[in-house]
Protein backbone atom coordinates (compact mmCIF):
# COMPACT_ATOMS: atom_id res chain seq x y z
CA UNK A 1 -4.66 -20.03 1.00
CA UNK A 2 -4.68 -16.26 1.46
CA UNK A 3 -2.13 -14.68 3.73
CA UNK A 4 -3.11 -12.38 6.59
CA UNK A 5 -2.39 -8.68 5.89
CA UNK A 6 -0.34 -6.92 8.58
CA UNK A 7 0.12 -3.15 8.37
CA UNK A 8 3.28 -1.51 9.70
CA UNK A 9 2.78 1.65 11.73
CA UNK A 10 4.31 3.61 8.85
CA UNK A 11 1.89 2.11 6.33
CA UNK A 12 -1.06 2.87 8.62
CA UNK A 13 0.06 6.50 8.87
CA UNK A 14 0.58 6.70 5.10
CA UNK A 15 -2.91 5.39 4.43
CA UNK A 16 -4.43 7.68 7.05
CA UNK A 17 -2.68 10.71 5.53
CA UNK A 18 -3.81 9.81 2.00
CA UNK A 19 -7.43 9.22 3.03
CA UNK A 20 -7.55 12.41 5.11
CA UNK A 21 -6.11 14.41 2.20
CA UNK A 22 -8.83 13.20 -0.18
CA UNK A 23 -11.57 13.71 2.39
CA UNK A 24 -10.48 17.34 2.89
CA UNK A 25 -9.83 17.94 -0.81
CA UNK A 26 -13.20 16.59 -1.95
CA UNK A 27 -15.19 17.78 1.09
CA UNK A 28 -16.59 14.24 1.20
CA UNK A 29 -15.47 10.87 2.51
CA UNK A 30 -16.88 8.90 -0.45
CA UNK A 31 -13.63 8.77 -2.45
CA UNK A 32 -11.58 8.03 0.67
CA UNK A 33 -13.81 5.04 1.47
CA UNK A 34 -13.49 3.79 -2.10
CA UNK A 35 -9.71 4.20 -2.04
CA UNK A 36 -9.41 2.36 1.29
CA UNK A 37 -11.49 -0.51 -0.12
CA UNK A 38 -9.29 -0.64 -3.23
CA UNK A 39 -6.09 -0.71 -1.13
CA UNK A 40 -7.56 -3.69 0.75
CA UNK A 41 -8.56 -5.36 -2.51
CA UNK A 42 -5.03 -5.00 -3.91
CA UNK A 43 -3.50 -6.39 -0.72
CA UNK A 44 -5.93 -9.30 -0.66
CA UNK A 45 -4.81 -10.11 -4.20
CA UNK A 46 -1.20 -10.05 -2.98
CA UNK A 47 -2.28 -12.34 -0.13
CA UNK A 48 -3.41 -14.93 -2.65
CA UNK A 49 -0.46 -14.46 -5.00
CA UNK A 50 2.40 -12.60 -3.26
CA UNK A 51 4.57 -12.48 -6.37
CA UNK A 52 1.97 -10.40 -8.21
CA UNK A 53 3.93 -7.25 -7.32
CA UNK A 54 7.14 -6.14 -8.95
CA UNK A 55 10.35 -6.80 -7.08
CA UNK A 56 11.92 -3.70 -5.54
CA UNK A 57 15.68 -3.24 -5.59
CA UNK A 58 15.95 -4.73 -2.11
CA UNK A 59 15.26 -8.41 -2.76
CA UNK A 60 12.59 -9.25 -0.18
CA UNK A 61 10.42 -6.20 -0.91
CA UNK A 62 7.81 -6.05 -3.67
CA UNK A 63 5.35 -3.37 -4.74
CA UNK A 64 2.06 -3.08 -6.54
CA UNK A 65 1.14 0.02 -8.50
CA UNK A 66 -2.42 1.17 -7.96
CA UNK A 67 -3.44 4.47 -9.55
CA UNK A 68 -0.91 7.04 -8.28
CA UNK A 69 0.33 4.84 -5.44
CA UNK A 70 2.94 2.16 -4.92
CA UNK A 71 2.09 -0.26 -2.14
CA UNK A 72 5.29 -1.82 -0.79
CA UNK A 73 5.18 -5.15 1.03
CA UNK A 74 7.09 -8.25 1.97
CA UNK A 75 5.62 -11.66 2.64
CA UNK A 76 5.97 -14.91 4.51
CA UNK A 77 4.03 -18.17 4.27
CA UNK A 78 1.31 -16.72 6.51
CA UNK A 79 1.44 -12.93 6.07
CA UNK A 80 1.62 -9.95 3.74
CA UNK A 81 3.54 -7.24 5.60
CA UNK A 82 2.60 -3.80 4.29
CA UNK A 83 5.66 -1.56 4.59
CA UNK A 84 4.48 1.74 3.12
CA UNK A 85 2.20 3.37 0.57
CA UNK A 86 3.97 5.93 -1.59
CA UNK A 87 2.19 8.61 -3.59
CA UNK A 88 4.22 8.62 -6.81
CA UNK A 89 3.47 12.31 -7.37
CA UNK A 90 5.75 13.18 -4.46
CA UNK A 91 9.44 13.99 -4.77
CA UNK A 92 11.20 10.63 -5.34
CA UNK A 93 14.29 11.85 -3.47
CA UNK A 94 12.24 11.76 -0.24
CA UNK A 95 11.42 8.07 -0.64
CA UNK A 96 13.08 5.34 1.43
CA UNK A 97 11.95 1.78 2.10
CA UNK A 98 13.17 0.52 5.46
């Protein structure tokens, strides 16, 4: 049974920022649409097997690496809770999982 994916407000903003960046950078929305579909695909995989991601230092949080991004999530019996999407090319000192 696949879990339902729930996006935190922070994760929604992260995804929006990433997709907008690529749309502006490429002057086309094609790559942004592909990237959004791939994020969904990765999270659907986590919905079927929540332990697929690596455990983060805080016990209940896991992450999946996809291209240059780490998708952080936690899970319950029914849900995958997307916490944030981190572009690994950014300064790691700015990163915090809450």
